[in-house]
Protein backbone atom coordinates (compact mmCIF):
# COMPACT_ATOMS: atom_id res chain seq x y z
CA UNK A 1 -39.03 -56.21 -55.57
CA UNK A 2 -39.15 -57.28 -51.91
CA UNK A 3 -35.50 -56.38 -51.41
CA UNK A 4 -35.99 -52.95 -52.97
CA UNK A 5 -39.00 -52.29 -50.79
CA UNK A 6 -37.08 -53.36 -47.68
CA UNK A 7 -34.14 -51.10 -48.53
CA UNK A 8 -36.51 -48.18 -49.12
CA UNK A 9 -38.20 -48.82 -45.79
CA UNK A 10 -34.78 -48.99 -44.11
CA UNK A 11 -33.83 -45.58 -45.52
CA UNK A 12 -37.13 -44.12 -44.34
CA UNK A 13 -36.58 -45.48 -40.83
CA UNK A 14 -33.03 -44.04 -40.76
CA UNK A 15 -34.25 -40.66 -41.97
CA UNK A 16 -36.98 -40.57 -39.31
CA UNK A 17 -34.56 -41.12 -36.41
CA UNK A 18 -33.97 -37.87 -34.53
CA UNK A 19 -30.22 -37.84 -34.05
CA UNK A 20 -28.70 -35.25 -31.74
CA UNK A 21 -25.60 -35.67 -33.91
CA UNK A 22 -26.53 -36.64 -37.45
CA UNK A 23 -22.95 -37.15 -38.63
CA UNK A 24 -21.91 -39.34 -35.68
CA UNK A 25 -25.34 -40.97 -35.26
CA UNK A 26 -25.63 -40.02 -31.56
CA UNK A 27 -29.14 -40.27 -30.11
CA UNK A 28 -28.41 -40.48 -26.37
CA UNK A 29 -28.26 -37.03 -24.75
CA UNK A 30 -25.75 -38.02 -22.07
CA UNK A 31 -23.44 -39.54 -24.68
CA UNK A 32 -23.93 -36.46 -26.85
CA UNK A 33 -22.78 -34.18 -24.06
CA UNK A 34 -20.03 -36.36 -22.62
CA UNK A 35 -18.29 -37.85 -25.64
CA UNK A 36 -16.13 -34.77 -26.41
CA UNK A 37 -14.88 -34.66 -22.82
CA UNK A 38 -14.32 -38.41 -22.79
CA UNK A 39 -12.26 -38.20 -26.00
CA UNK A 40 -10.18 -35.25 -24.74
CA UNK A 41 -9.74 -36.82 -21.30
CA UNK A 42 -8.68 -40.16 -22.77
CA UNK A 43 -6.17 -38.38 -25.03
CA UNK A 44 -4.75 -36.47 -22.06
CA UNK A 45 -4.30 -39.60 -19.92
CA UNK A 46 -2.85 -41.78 -22.71
CA UNK A 47 -0.32 -39.17 -23.86
CA UNK A 48 0.63 -38.22 -20.29
CA UNK A 49 1.30 -41.85 -19.29
CA UNK A 50 3.25 -42.49 -22.52
CA UNK A 51 5.29 -39.30 -22.09
CA UNK A 52 6.22 -39.94 -18.46
CA UNK A 53 7.10 -43.56 -19.29
CA UNK A 54 9.06 -43.23 -22.53
CA UNK A 55 10.06 -39.58 -22.97
CA UNK A 56 12.89 -39.55 -20.45
CA UNK A 57 15.10 -36.99 -22.23
CA UNK A 58 14.40 -34.37 -24.87
CA UNK A 59 15.21 -34.90 -28.52
CA UNK A 60 17.75 -32.98 -30.59
CA UNK A 61 14.99 -31.01 -32.35
CA UNK A 62 12.81 -28.38 -30.69
CA UNK A 63 13.72 -29.57 -27.19
CA UNK A 64 17.23 -28.26 -27.75
CA UNK A 65 15.64 -24.81 -27.50
CA UNK A 66 13.90 -25.91 -24.32
CA UNK A 67 17.12 -26.94 -22.57
CA UNK A 68 19.27 -24.17 -24.01
CA UNK A 69 16.88 -21.26 -23.79
CA UNK A 70 13.78 -21.82 -21.72
CA UNK A 71 15.34 -23.69 -18.80
CA UNK A 72 18.15 -21.13 -18.66
CA UNK A 73 15.64 -18.25 -18.68
CA UNK A 74 13.53 -19.97 -16.02
CA UNK A 75 16.56 -20.40 -13.75
CA UNK A 76 17.54 -16.78 -14.29
CA UNK A 77 14.01 -15.64 -13.43
CA UNK A 78 14.26 -17.50 -10.12
CA UNK A 79 17.46 -15.53 -9.48
CA UNK A 80 15.61 -12.28 -10.16
CA UNK A 81 16.67 -11.77 -13.79
CA UNK A 82 14.04 -11.49 -16.54
CA UNK A 83 15.83 -12.34 -19.78
CA UNK A 84 15.06 -10.43 -22.98
CA UNK A 85 15.62 -13.24 -25.43
CA UNK A 86 14.66 -11.40 -28.61
CA UNK A 87 12.77 -14.19 -30.36
CA UNK A 88 9.83 -14.77 -28.04
CA UNK A 89 8.20 -13.31 -24.98
CA UNK A 90 8.86 -14.07 -21.30
CA UNK A 91 5.61 -15.81 -20.32
CA UNK A 92 6.54 -19.45 -20.85
CA UNK A 93 9.88 -19.25 -18.97
CA UNK A 94 8.09 -17.51 -16.08
CA UNK A 95 5.45 -20.27 -15.88
CA UNK A 96 8.18 -22.91 -16.23
CA UNK A 97 10.21 -21.24 -13.47
CA UNK A 98 7.33 -21.20 -11.01
CA UNK A 99 6.27 -24.80 -11.68
CA UNK A 100 9.88 -26.01 -11.89
CA UNK A 101 10.64 -24.43 -8.52
CA UNK A 102 7.62 -26.17 -6.98
CA UNK A 103 8.14 -29.61 -8.53
CA UNK A 104 11.93 -29.58 -8.98
CA UNK A 105 12.37 -30.95 -12.54
CA UNK A 106 12.03 -28.44 -15.38
CA UNK A 107 11.94 -31.10 -18.09
CA UNK A 108 9.19 -33.15 -16.46
CA UNK A 109 7.22 -29.94 -15.81
CA UNK A 110 7.72 -28.93 -19.46
CA UNK A 111 6.38 -32.27 -20.70
CA UNK A 112 3.34 -32.23 -18.40
CA UNK A 113 2.65 -28.59 -19.30
CA UNK A 114 2.66 -29.62 -22.97
CA UNK A 115 0.20 -32.47 -22.47
CA UNK A 116 -2.07 -30.19 -20.45
CA UNK A 117 -1.84 -27.47 -23.13
CA UNK A 118 -2.80 -30.02 -25.80
CA UNK A 119 -5.92 -30.96 -23.82
CA UNK A 120 -6.86 -27.28 -23.27
CA UNK A 121 -6.34 -26.58 -26.98
CA UNK A 122 -8.63 -29.48 -27.91
CA UNK A 123 -11.26 -28.41 -25.35
CA UNK A 124 -11.46 -24.80 -26.52
CA UNK A 125 -11.19 -25.80 -30.18
CA UNK A 126 -14.30 -27.90 -29.64
CA UNK A 127 -16.08 -25.11 -27.74
CA UNK A 128 -15.18 -22.53 -30.40
CA UNK A 129 -16.11 -24.66 -33.41
CA UNK A 130 -19.29 -25.88 -31.69
CA UNK A 131 -20.40 -22.29 -31.20
CA UNK A 132 -19.61 -21.30 -34.80
CA UNK A 133 -20.29 -24.40 -36.92
CA UNK A 134 -22.18 -26.84 -34.72
CA UNK A 135 -21.52 -30.07 -32.85
CA UNK A 136 -20.67 -32.35 -35.78
CA UNK A 137 -17.98 -30.09 -37.24
CA UNK A 138 -16.54 -29.44 -33.77
CA UNK A 139 -16.37 -33.09 -32.69
CA UNK A 140 -15.01 -34.29 -36.02
CA UNK A 141 -12.38 -31.54 -36.01
CA UNK A 142 -10.91 -32.41 -32.60
CA UNK A 143 -10.82 -36.10 -33.55
CA UNK A 144 -8.84 -35.23 -36.69
CA UNK A 145 -6.55 -32.93 -34.70
CA UNK A 146 -5.70 -35.40 -31.93
CA UNK A 147 -4.95 -38.17 -34.42
CA UNK A 148 -2.43 -35.98 -36.29
CA UNK A 149 1.14 -37.26 -35.89
CA UNK A 150 2.70 -33.80 -35.50
CA UNK A 151 0.10 -32.75 -32.95
CA UNK A 152 0.79 -35.93 -30.96
CA UNK A 153 4.55 -35.29 -31.11
CA UNK A 154 4.27 -31.77 -29.72
CA UNK A 155 1.79 -32.89 -27.10
CA UNK A 156 4.73 -34.42 -25.22
CA UNK A 157 7.69 -32.39 -26.56
CA UNK A 158 8.67 -29.74 -24.02
CA UNK A 159 8.31 -26.31 -25.60
CA UNK A 160 6.02 -23.38 -26.28
CA UNK A 161 4.13 -24.72 -29.31
CA UNK A 162 0.90 -26.05 -27.77
CA UNK A 163 1.12 -23.69 -24.79
CA UNK A 164 0.85 -20.89 -27.37
CA UNK A 165 -1.94 -22.65 -29.30
CA UNK A 166 -3.99 -23.07 -26.13
CA UNK A 167 -3.77 -19.36 -25.27
CA UNK A 168 -4.61 -18.36 -28.86
CA UNK A 169 -7.75 -20.49 -29.13
CA UNK A 170 -8.99 -19.28 -25.72
CA UNK A 171 -8.63 -15.71 -26.99
CA UNK A 172 -10.71 -16.52 -30.06
CA UNK A 173 -13.30 -18.41 -28.01
CA UNK A 174 -14.16 -15.40 -25.85
CA UNK A 175 -15.11 -13.40 -28.95
CA UNK A 176 -17.63 -16.03 -30.06
CA UNK A 177 -18.67 -17.28 -26.60
CA UNK A 178 -21.94 -15.51 -25.91
CA UNK A 179 -25.13 -14.93 -27.84
CA UNK A 180 -24.08 -11.31 -27.79
CA UNK A 181 -20.63 -9.82 -27.26
CA UNK A 182 -20.08 -8.57 -23.73
CA UNK A 183 -17.40 -5.99 -22.94
CA UNK A 184 -15.95 -8.38 -20.37
CA UNK A 185 -15.53 -11.09 -23.03
CA UNK A 186 -13.79 -8.65 -25.35
CA UNK A 187 -11.42 -7.56 -22.59
CA UNK A 188 -10.62 -11.17 -21.59
CA UNK A 189 -10.01 -12.04 -25.25
CA UNK A 190 -7.53 -9.16 -25.45
CA UNK A 191 -5.73 -10.41 -22.32
CA UNK A 192 -5.38 -13.94 -23.71
CA UNK A 193 -4.17 -12.50 -27.01
CA UNK A 194 -1.56 -10.60 -25.00
CA UNK A 195 -0.54 -13.80 -23.19
CA UNK A 196 -0.21 -15.58 -26.54
CA UNK A 197 1.91 -12.71 -27.91
CA UNK A 198 4.06 -12.75 -24.77
CA UNK A 199 4.69 -16.42 -25.53
CA UNK A 200 5.31 -16.25 -29.28
CA UNK A 201 5.48 -13.09 -31.40
CA UNK A 202 3.37 -14.65 -34.16
CA UNK A 203 0.50 -14.19 -31.69
CA UNK A 204 0.23 -10.78 -33.36
CA UNK A 205 -2.31 -12.37 -35.71
CA UNK A 206 -4.90 -12.35 -32.90
CA UNK A 207 -5.24 -8.56 -32.44
CA UNK A 208 -4.89 -8.09 -36.20
CA UNK A 209 -7.83 -10.42 -36.91
CA UNK A 210 -9.91 -9.01 -34.05
CA UNK A 211 -9.47 -5.36 -35.02
CA UNK A 212 -10.09 -6.02 -38.72
CA UNK A 213 -13.25 -7.93 -37.75
CA UNK A 214 -14.49 -5.11 -35.54
CA UNK A 215 -13.67 -2.17 -37.79
CA UNK A 216 -14.07 -3.59 -41.30
CA UNK A 217 -16.47 -6.53 -41.06
CA UNK A 218 -18.59 -4.92 -38.31
CA UNK A 219 -18.27 -8.06 -36.23
CA UNK A 220 -20.19 -6.93 -33.14
CA UNK A 221 -22.46 -4.08 -34.21
CA UNK A 222 -23.66 -1.92 -37.08
CA UNK A 223 -22.95 1.24 -35.10
CA UNK A 224 -19.49 2.60 -35.77
CA UNK A 225 -19.28 4.15 -32.28
CA UNK A 226 -19.94 0.72 -30.70
CA UNK A 227 -17.31 -0.90 -32.94
CA UNK A 228 -14.74 1.74 -31.91
CA UNK A 229 -15.61 1.14 -28.26
CA UNK A 230 -15.19 -2.64 -28.65
CA UNK A 231 -11.90 -2.19 -30.48
CA UNK A 232 -10.59 0.06 -27.67
CA UNK A 233 -11.66 -2.45 -25.00
CA UNK A 234 -9.81 -5.20 -26.86
CA UNK A 235 -6.71 -3.02 -27.23
CA UNK A 236 -6.84 -2.23 -23.49
CA UNK A 237 -6.84 -5.95 -22.67
CA UNK A 238 -4.00 -6.62 -25.09
CA UNK A 239 -1.95 -3.64 -23.85
CA UNK A 240 -2.42 -4.37 -20.15
CA UNK A 241 0.46 -6.86 -20.05
CA UNK A 242 2.37 -5.80 -23.15
CA UNK A 243 3.03 -2.23 -22.07
CA UNK A 244 5.00 -3.23 -18.92
CA UNK A 245 7.02 -5.70 -21.00
CA UNK A 246 7.72 -3.04 -23.66
CA UNK A 247 8.86 -0.59 -20.98
CA UNK A 248 11.12 -3.25 -19.50
CA UNK A 249 12.63 -3.88 -22.95
CA UNK A 250 13.17 -0.15 -23.48
CA UNK A 251 14.97 0.19 -20.14
CA UNK A 252 17.36 -2.65 -20.96
CA UNK A 253 17.77 -2.30 -24.75
CA UNK A 254 16.68 1.22 -25.62
CA UNK A 255 13.96 -0.18 -27.90
CA UNK A 256 10.28 -0.62 -26.93
CA UNK A 257 9.84 -3.17 -29.73
CA UNK A 258 13.15 -5.03 -29.42
CA UNK A 259 12.93 -8.22 -31.46
CA UNK A 260 15.45 -10.46 -33.23
CA UNK A 261 13.09 -12.55 -35.36
CA UNK A 262 14.48 -10.74 -38.38
CA UNK A 263 17.41 -13.19 -38.20
CA UNK A 264 14.99 -16.04 -38.98
CA UNK A 265 13.77 -14.16 -42.04
CA UNK A 266 17.37 -13.48 -43.06
CA UNK A 267 18.15 -17.20 -42.77
CA UNK A 268 15.10 -18.04 -44.87
CA UNK A 269 16.21 -15.62 -47.59
CA UNK A 270 19.99 -15.72 -47.60
CA UNK A 271 21.14 -18.77 -45.66
CA UNK A 272 18.90 -21.80 -46.07
CA UNK A 273 20.16 -24.19 -48.72
CA UNK A 274 23.31 -22.13 -49.24
CA UNK A 275 25.29 -22.89 -46.05
CA UNK A 276 25.11 -24.82 -42.79
CA UNK A 277 23.07 -23.51 -39.86
CA UNK A 278 26.18 -23.39 -37.65
CA UNK A 279 28.11 -21.29 -40.18
CA UNK A 280 25.13 -18.99 -40.60
CA UNK A 281 24.77 -18.47 -36.86
CA UNK A 282 28.49 -17.92 -36.32
CA UNK A 283 29.29 -15.73 -39.34
CA UNK A 284 26.57 -14.57 -41.74
CA UNK A 285 23.80 -13.68 -39.29
CA UNK A 286 26.05 -11.01 -37.73
CA UNK A 287 25.70 -8.95 -40.92
CA UNK A 288 22.06 -8.08 -40.08
CA UNK A 289 20.98 -5.86 -37.20
CA UNK A 290 17.31 -5.12 -38.01
CA UNK A 291 14.35 -6.18 -40.13
CA UNK A 292 15.10 -3.17 -42.31
CA UNK A 293 18.55 -4.62 -43.11
CA UNK A 294 16.93 -7.85 -44.25
CA UNK A 295 14.46 -6.09 -46.56
CA UNK A 296 16.85 -3.49 -47.96
CA UNK A 297 19.51 -6.04 -48.89
CA UNK A 298 17.21 -6.96 -51.81
CA UNK A 299 13.62 -5.58 -51.56
CA UNK A 300 12.37 -7.22 -54.76
CA UNK A 301 13.76 -10.59 -53.73
CA UNK A 302 12.14 -10.15 -50.30
CA UNK A 303 8.67 -9.62 -51.81
CA UNK A 304 9.07 -12.49 -54.27
CA UNK A 305 10.33 -14.99 -51.71
CA UNK A 306 8.39 -14.07 -48.57
CA UNK A 307 5.02 -12.78 -49.77
CA UNK A 308 4.61 -14.81 -52.96
CA UNK A 309 6.80 -17.93 -52.97
CA UNK A 310 6.45 -18.70 -49.25
CA UNK A 311 2.66 -18.33 -49.43
CA UNK A 312 2.54 -21.17 -51.93
CA UNK A 313 5.40 -23.25 -50.50
CA UNK A 314 4.26 -23.05 -46.87
CA UNK A 315 0.80 -24.31 -47.81
CA UNK A 316 2.28 -27.12 -49.90
CA UNK A 317 4.57 -27.99 -46.97
CA UNK A 318 1.55 -28.17 -44.66
CA UNK A 319 -0.14 -30.54 -47.11
CA UNK A 320 2.97 -32.73 -47.32
CA UNK A 321 4.51 -32.54 -43.84
CA UNK A 322 1.77 -31.59 -41.41
CA UNK A 323 -1.18 -33.52 -42.81
CA UNK A 324 -1.72 -37.13 -43.93
CA UNK A 325 -2.49 -37.65 -47.63
CA UNK A 326 -6.30 -38.11 -47.52
CA UNK A 327 -6.64 -35.12 -45.16
CA UNK A 328 -4.63 -32.99 -47.61
CA UNK A 329 -6.75 -34.05 -50.58
CA UNK A 330 -10.03 -33.19 -48.90
CA UNK A 331 -8.64 -29.98 -47.42
CA UNK A 332 -7.93 -28.70 -50.94
CA UNK A 333 -11.41 -29.74 -52.09
CA UNK A 334 -12.90 -28.21 -48.94
CA UNK A 335 -11.16 -24.88 -49.59
CA UNK A 336 -12.69 -24.80 -53.07
CA UNK A 337 -16.13 -25.46 -51.56
CA UNK A 338 -15.61 -22.59 -49.10
CA UNK A 339 -16.20 -20.16 -51.95
CA UNK A 340 -19.76 -21.51 -52.31
CA UNK A 341 -20.73 -20.67 -48.71
CA UNK A 342 -22.59 -17.70 -47.34
CA UNK A 343 -20.85 -16.63 -44.15
CA UNK A 344 -22.11 -15.52 -40.76
CA UNK A 345 -20.00 -12.95 -38.90
CA UNK A 346 -18.59 -15.56 -36.49
CA UNK A 347 -17.48 -17.67 -39.44
CA UNK A 348 -15.77 -14.69 -41.10
CA UNK A 349 -14.01 -13.91 -37.82
CA UNK A 350 -12.81 -17.51 -37.41
CA UNK A 351 -11.44 -17.88 -40.94
CA UNK A 352 -9.83 -14.45 -40.73
CA UNK A 353 -7.88 -15.70 -37.70
CA UNK A 354 -6.84 -18.82 -39.60
CA UNK A 355 -5.73 -16.76 -42.61
CA UNK A 356 -3.78 -14.24 -40.51
CA UNK A 357 -2.18 -17.07 -38.51
CA UNK A 358 -0.94 -18.48 -41.81
CA UNK A 359 0.28 -15.14 -43.21
CA UNK A 360 2.18 -14.10 -40.06
CA UNK A 361 4.38 -17.20 -40.46
CA UNK A 362 5.51 -16.34 -43.99
CA UNK A 363 8.66 -14.40 -42.97
CA UNK A 364 9.92 -17.29 -40.80
CA UNK A 365 11.60 -20.45 -42.04
CA UNK A 366 9.08 -23.24 -42.38
CA UNK A 367 8.50 -25.82 -39.66
CA UNK A 368 5.38 -27.94 -39.43
CA UNK A 369 5.20 -27.30 -35.68
CA UNK A 370 4.64 -23.59 -36.39
CA UNK A 371 1.43 -24.58 -38.20
CA UNK A 372 -0.10 -26.52 -35.30
CA UNK A 373 -2.65 -23.79 -34.61
CA UNK A 374 -3.81 -24.03 -38.22
CA UNK A 375 -4.99 -27.59 -37.58
CA UNK A 376 -8.17 -26.13 -36.08
CA UNK A 377 -8.94 -24.28 -39.30
CA UNK A 378 -7.84 -27.11 -41.58
CA UNK A 379 -9.95 -29.65 -39.69
CA UNK A 380 -12.99 -27.38 -39.70
CA UNK A 381 -12.70 -26.90 -43.47
CA UNK A 382 -12.56 -30.67 -44.03
CA UNK A 383 -15.51 -31.31 -41.71
CA UNK A 384 -17.59 -28.59 -43.36
CA UNK A 385 -17.07 -30.32 -46.69
CA UNK A 386 -17.80 -33.78 -45.30
CA UNK A 387 -21.07 -32.40 -43.86
CA UNK A 388 -22.01 -30.70 -47.13
CA UNK A 389 -25.20 -31.88 -48.87
CA UNK A 390 -23.08 -32.87 -51.85
CA UNK A 391 -21.38 -35.53 -49.69
CA UNK A 392 -24.56 -36.47 -47.83
CA UNK A 393 -26.38 -37.25 -51.06
CA UNK A 394 -23.75 -39.79 -52.10
CA UNK A 395 -24.80 -42.78 -50.02
CA UNK A 396 -23.31 -46.23 -49.62
CA UNK A 397 -25.77 -48.30 -47.65
CA UNK A 398 -26.55 -46.65 -44.33
CA UNK A 399 -23.52 -44.33 -44.52
CA UNK A 400 -23.04 -41.26 -46.68
CA UNK A 401 -19.74 -40.51 -48.41
CA UNK A 402 -18.73 -37.84 -45.87
CA UNK A 403 -18.86 -40.36 -43.03
CA UNK A 404 -16.86 -42.90 -45.02
CA UNK A 405 -14.20 -40.34 -45.92
CA UNK A 406 -13.98 -39.25 -42.26
CA UNK A 407 -13.36 -42.85 -41.17
CA UNK A 408 -10.63 -43.23 -43.83
CA UNK A 409 -8.90 -39.98 -42.81
CA UNK A 410 -9.06 -40.84 -39.12
CA UNK A 411 -7.72 -44.41 -39.50
CA UNK A 412 -4.95 -43.25 -41.86
CA UNK A 413 -4.00 -40.37 -39.57
CA UNK A 414 -4.13 -42.44 -36.38
CA UNK A 415 -2.00 -45.18 -37.94
CA UNK A 416 0.61 -42.63 -39.09
CA UNK A 417 0.51 -40.92 -35.69
CA UNK A 418 1.05 -44.09 -33.67
CA UNK A 419 3.71 -45.45 -36.02
CA UNK A 420 5.68 -42.18 -36.10
CA UNK A 421 5.45 -41.37 -32.39
CA UNK A 422 6.20 -44.87 -31.16
CA UNK A 423 9.73 -44.16 -32.41
CA UNK A 424 9.87 -40.40 -31.91
CA UNK A 425 8.85 -40.39 -28.24
CA UNK A 426 12.01 -42.30 -27.30
CA UNK A 427 14.39 -40.68 -29.81
CA UNK A 428 16.41 -38.54 -27.37
CA UNK A 429 20.12 -39.14 -26.64
CA UNK A 430 19.75 -42.01 -24.17
CA UNK A 431 23.53 -42.38 -23.91
CA UNK A 432 23.46 -39.24 -21.76
CA UNK A 433 21.19 -40.97 -19.26
CA UNK A 434 23.62 -43.89 -19.16
CA UNK A 435 26.59 -41.59 -18.59
CA UNK A 436 24.66 -39.76 -15.87
CA UNK A 437 24.51 -43.04 -13.94
CA UNK A 438 28.29 -43.50 -14.23
CA UNK A 439 29.30 -39.99 -13.15
CA UNK A 440 29.81 -39.37 -9.40
CA UNK A 441 27.40 -36.91 -7.79
CA UNK A 442 30.31 -34.81 -6.55
CA UNK A 443 30.93 -33.29 -9.99
CA UNK A 444 27.26 -32.67 -10.84
CA UNK A 445 27.26 -29.00 -9.97
CA UNK A 446 26.81 -25.64 -11.69
CA UNK A 447 30.34 -24.79 -10.61
CA UNK A 448 31.51 -27.03 -13.47
CA UNK A 449 31.38 -25.96 -17.11
CA UNK A 450 30.76 -28.58 -19.79
CA UNK A 451 31.29 -28.15 -23.54
CA UNK A 452 29.01 -29.97 -25.99
CA UNK A 453 27.09 -29.44 -29.24
CA UNK A 454 23.72 -29.62 -27.48
CA UNK A 455 22.68 -28.61 -23.92
CA UNK A 456 21.02 -31.91 -22.89
CA UNK A 457 24.07 -33.33 -21.11
CA UNK A 458 24.53 -30.14 -19.09
CA UNK A 459 20.92 -30.23 -17.89
CA UNK A 460 21.05 -33.89 -16.90
CA UNK A 461 24.37 -33.42 -15.04
CA UNK A 462 23.36 -30.09 -13.49
CA UNK A 463 26.33 -28.21 -15.00
CA UNK A 464 26.79 -24.92 -16.82
CA UNK A 465 26.93 -25.26 -20.60
CA UNK A 466 28.77 -23.76 -23.55
CA UNK A 467 28.19 -24.80 -27.12
CA UNK A 468 31.47 -25.41 -28.91
CA UNK A 469 32.17 -22.83 -31.64
CA UNK A 470 32.54 -23.07 -35.38
CA UNK A 471 36.12 -24.37 -35.59
CA UNK A 472 38.02 -25.98 -38.45
CA UNK A 473 40.92 -27.59 -36.57
CA UNK A 474 41.27 -29.90 -33.59
CA UNK A 475 43.83 -27.63 -31.90
CA UNK A 476 41.57 -24.58 -32.18
CA UNK A 477 38.81 -26.54 -30.40
CA UNK A 478 41.16 -27.54 -27.56
CA UNK A 479 42.55 -24.00 -27.24
CA UNK A 480 39.05 -22.52 -27.19
CA UNK A 481 38.02 -24.88 -24.35
CA UNK A 482 41.13 -23.90 -22.40
CA UNK A 483 40.30 -20.21 -22.84
CA UNK A 484 36.82 -20.84 -21.52
CA UNK A 485 38.30 -22.81 -18.60
CA UNK A 486 35.98 -25.68 -19.36
CA UNK A 487 35.94 -28.52 -16.84
CA UNK A 488 34.38 -31.22 -19.03
CA UNK A 489 33.76 -32.08 -22.68
CA UNK A 490 31.00 -34.34 -23.99
CA UNK A 491 31.22 -35.81 -27.47
CA UNK A 492 28.86 -38.21 -29.23
CA UNK A 493 28.25 -39.08 -32.86
CA UNK A 494 26.21 -35.89 -33.11
CA UNK A 495 29.10 -33.70 -31.96
CA UNK A 496 31.55 -35.49 -34.22
CA UNK A 497 29.32 -35.12 -37.29
CA UNK A 498 29.03 -31.38 -36.61
CA UNK A 499 32.80 -31.00 -36.31
CA UNK A 500 33.39 -33.02 -39.48
CA UNK A 501 31.08 -30.69 -41.41
CA UNK A 502 33.15 -27.66 -40.38
CA UNK A 503 36.22 -28.63 -42.43
CA UNK A 504 37.17 -30.53 -45.58
CA UNK A 505 40.71 -31.15 -44.37
CA UNK A 506 41.08 -34.94 -44.11
CA UNK A 507 43.72 -34.80 -41.36
CA UNK A 508 41.59 -32.52 -39.17
CA UNK A 509 38.54 -34.65 -39.86
CA UNK A 510 40.45 -37.72 -38.69
CA UNK A 511 41.43 -35.92 -35.47
CA UNK A 512 37.83 -34.91 -34.86
CA UNK A 513 36.65 -38.44 -35.59
CA UNK A 514 39.10 -39.86 -33.06
CA UNK A 515 37.23 -38.01 -30.29
CA UNK A 516 34.49 -40.65 -30.35
CA UNK A 517 36.96 -43.53 -29.96
CA UNK A 518 37.86 -44.08 -26.28
CA UNK A 519 40.73 -46.42 -27.22
CA UNK A 520 42.73 -43.62 -28.89
CA UNK A 521 44.77 -41.71 -26.28
CA UNK A 522 44.43 -37.91 -26.28
CA UNK A 523 47.04 -36.07 -24.17
CA UNK A 524 44.82 -32.97 -23.94
CA UNK A 525 41.83 -34.89 -22.57
CA UNK A 526 41.28 -37.35 -19.74
CA UNK A 527 38.69 -40.09 -20.32
CA UNK A 528 36.08 -40.32 -17.54
CA UNK A 529 33.18 -42.27 -19.01
CA UNK A 530 31.89 -43.61 -22.32
CA UNK A 531 29.16 -45.68 -23.93
CA UNK A 532 29.44 -48.05 -26.89
CA UNK A 533 25.93 -48.13 -28.34
CA UNK A 534 25.32 -45.37 -29.19
CA UNK A 535 28.94 -44.17 -28.93
CA UNK A 536 29.71 -41.23 -26.66
CA UNK A 537 32.69 -40.04 -24.63
CA UNK A 538 32.82 -37.89 -21.52
CA UNK A 539 36.21 -36.32 -20.77
CA UNK A 540 37.91 -33.94 -18.39
């Protein structure tokens, strides 16, 4: 009886404590205010130090695009040329160009910009969720986000992913920022939506969600005239930067809306799983010249695959590839519980953004990095469920079940994140760094053209770069390099594996394989440098 009475008294004492944060048991006001900034600041410093220490060269994944596309576009911008790339906007290369010019190393700038973008994304995710759902949901969400292994990876991987996410969440924040919606906030939100769109075209979800919220869900007023006015202010902010870019595209391409993302949709429908990426890029992709071509090749198949199958498969892929197992389980449960809620207008607006951000990705081939922005929505859904009375009423001692589940998800996620990224952060082709030390400075110049499968070696050596073509014979490769008047050729296991996949002819495969062996003489090539582990050869 005494024990029961004591436990009852303990529960009464706990219930009487006035926590500023009930979920995290925070009573101290200074701690309450500072802990989000401490967490975000600590994440920024830890990732920045780790990136600058271990991430010396980009990997062969997304950072290939960084070296091949973004660095090239940045250098061209500094020469006075604004490149119309066709798959994304010009903002990131412009920012990279300016910072790269100031600090001198585009890759290091790209890495630091990524870490900074990750911190900004976390900061404004907290501010946005705090305004909409409260402190506990906001703090728990950013903790779940920053412990995610994919989020950690792209916090130090040079590219547009978190730069885009940061701009997108800032745009959303300004529409929920005040107690009432000021015209200035609406205009600023439109500008940041424009900046996000000028970074990645899937930023189109931001104006779509905003305008639907204004005009259909009456987000800011009950008066239709006020809603129209707010919608026009938002459009003005969004158009302010996009109109000059559209005019520029029209002048150089004849098309205000020039875009080549249809090739990604074509790959998703007609290439993936049926042929290699290199063959697709070299041969099959040339058969499509517009989004209309992609749809009209098989309209029924397009609807089935993109709008129906991809909706299901992309979400399943997020559950399997983006999120750790316990997070995925409680996300699904949390989504079911969402249907029980009564929604305020800010909540409708937020989830509409999450939904549109998911839908706009359906035509593209799946990559978990494309879903990074969705982590804000996914984390909020999980935290809403963990803070639900259903979870609070299931108690285990002094903790309720929501708190216990949160601890499990966080520990699981953090363990996966550290384990995965301890290997991933140093996964780039380090043999290139070794070869860079062996090569004399006299040949490290843009006057020299180097041929390779990936652009990393060209960046490190300061040379111009051509990717070798889809060839099926050794002689055709040599002849092609002669036609291009290439000065140097870099080959590693990666290059050899690509060449081997281009042909089934055993003799040609053996010739390609011999490229990696510095002991086999090649009359057409002069050996300059090589490494043994991992194997790579640098020739003239």
